[in-house]
Amino acid sequence: MPSLNSFHRLTTFLLLGTAIAPSQAFTFFQTHTSRSTDVISQKQFLATPFDQLCPSGNCIDDCGNNTRIFQAKPDHIDATVQDYGQPDASGKVNVTVFGLCTNLVSAAAEAEDSTKVKSFFATDPSMMAVSDPFKQVAIGIAACLSDTCGRIRYPGRCMEDCSMKNLLNNNTDAFDWQHAMLNCTQRLCKSTFVLPYANQDVLGIGVLVSFCTQGILLLGAAAGAMASLTWQLWRGQGSYPRIVRKLEGPLATFLTAQTYFSISAAIASFVMSPSTIDPLNGYALMIVATIGFLCPVFTLLLLRSHNARTGFGTSLTFVSWILNTVIFFMLLRNLSDFGETVAEDALKQLFTVPTCDDSSAMPLCQQLTGSNPLKRLTGFFKTSSWTNIRTVPMLWAWTTFVLLVLIPEETWQAVRLRRMNKAAARKDAAVAKIGKDAAPKPDSRPDAEHLLLGRFIIATIFVVLFSVGLGYIFDMVKRFRAIGAIDASEWSFGQVVAAMFWIPVFLDVAHSVFVEKKHHVSPTVSPQEEFEMKPKPSTNRSAYTPLSKSSLEDRENEDQRAHSPPTAPVSVGPRKRSIHKRQTIRMEEGQ
């Protein structure tokens, strides 16, 4: 009667005979482009460092760990994420963990004839008697690919090629590398329809249109402000184009609207937990926060370049800056932790597939195609472009510097104007008391032309730098749009409201430009000079205080003198002619 060990050996032989039956030729396929397969030769396979691919010492057991199989670069591999699975300098492609596990049957059969490699493919006879480990590995990998396909934005585009039936050659344990596997990886790794949409409330199509409209309005306002300063430099101080006076009100309204929007967005951002958010939505939040603190300060600068004071708008700008600064640095601290595996970390948060051990097949895209669905986004975190996580704090630093200059400057101007009004009131009171003007004091202020030139140069530098900042934000938005994270067809209620947010500003501009006001000042008087030229409450008679008794008597005496006949002798000298008459006589004499 045969012993139990003999029975196990017989069972193992039969299973291996069916599962690892040696083929006519060694076949081992993998890919690095998803357009063609890489054929691994027998010599190259035997030279593979299996101690790195299979750190446990058993490749069959390691291939049962889907978490490691579907890593962009598995642990214990001596390579970078960008180089792993890609051709080296000589054009040779090394064996990968995914390639080994999807060619496990062929690899185990080849290892039987090599004493150096055979130990890495040893099988447990007791496990072989219960189930086929090669079949289990193949089913696990195929199930992960198929279920990941079901989680992408458009599952129908990969469902057929990524089905388990097609991947495993009609449910065998051999993968169809030359057809189904290539097509499946190609469709899984195409960013334009693979990634889930980002939170559309953060940066949807309506919000995108709103930001573009805001940028266009802001650049238009900057161009108008610079044209006005150029006009003043050419025509002299106080020579304001009439359109400038009309648009200062809408520009102040535009500033207020921006701060309302930015403050609301910042408060909503706290709900999304910026300190733990995934990189895809975190990137969108960083765009929103950057716009929230930069654009209002830019608008405030344009107003102050024309001495337009808006204390309420300045206060709102400061509040918007504080809230968005907090959001910005929470995001910066969270997203700065992502290193070279930023794409893998982000994809794990975006795709969680139970059959992949709570990972997904998406991180494989880097080694299977040489790219990943988040490639454009990872450039921001890996500082491979001018817009990256290391340079974006410069926008905050510049905006903060300008804001900390504008707030004290506006406060000083308000105090200075109040002092000027008090001085003018005292002067008017002195003139009314002594009956004549005091001798004017010499003006110690710099020449007006030099002041205009200095203001023009400073404003030009500031506007150019802020325009570069807007270009920086535009590049961030363009990169986000390129990965297909914005659903252009999703016009929900909130997206429509966001897109129409700036319509009141356009209407305010149209009203100011095309509707003639009943009362307007001379076109050569600036708004600040107009304010300073208004009668002060302390001059002669206040609009809110009755005239004194002595003033009434003086007024009555003046009226009597005006209506009484003259008592002084009439001058016998030549009668003074008006300027108009003298000019007419001279013209006649000339003729």
Foldseek 3Di string as FASTA:
>chain_A
DDDPVVVLVVLVVVLCCVQQPADPAQFFWAFQALPFIDTQHLVLLVPAPVCQLPVVLALLVVLLQLLQLQACAGPSDPDASLPQLAADPVRDGHQHNNRCLLSVSSSQNSLVVPPVRNSRHDDDSVVSVVDDSLLVSQVLVLVQLQVLLVQFQDSVQLNVLSHSCQQQVRSHSHGPCGPSVSSSLVVCFQLQGGFAFADCLLPAQLLVLLVVVLVVVLVVLLVVLLVQLVVCLVPHPLQGFPLVVLCLVLLLVSLVLLLVVLLVSLVVLVVQPLLADFLLNLLSLLLSLLSQLQSSLSSLLSSVLQPHDDPVSLVSSVSSLVSSVVSNVSNLVRLLPDESCSVQRRQLVRDQDVSSVGGHNQSNSCSRNVAGLCRLVVCQNHVVDPNHSVCVVVSSVLSVVSSVVSVVVSVVVVVVVVVVLVVVLVQLVVCVVVVHHDDDDDDPDDDRSVVSVVSSVVSVVSSVVSVVVVVSSVVSVVSSVVSNNYDNPDCDPSSVCSNCSCVVSVVSSCCSPPPDDPDDDDSSGRPVNVVVPDDRCNHPHHPVDDDDPVVVVVVVVVVVVVPDDDPDDDDPDDDDDDPVVVVVVVVVVVD
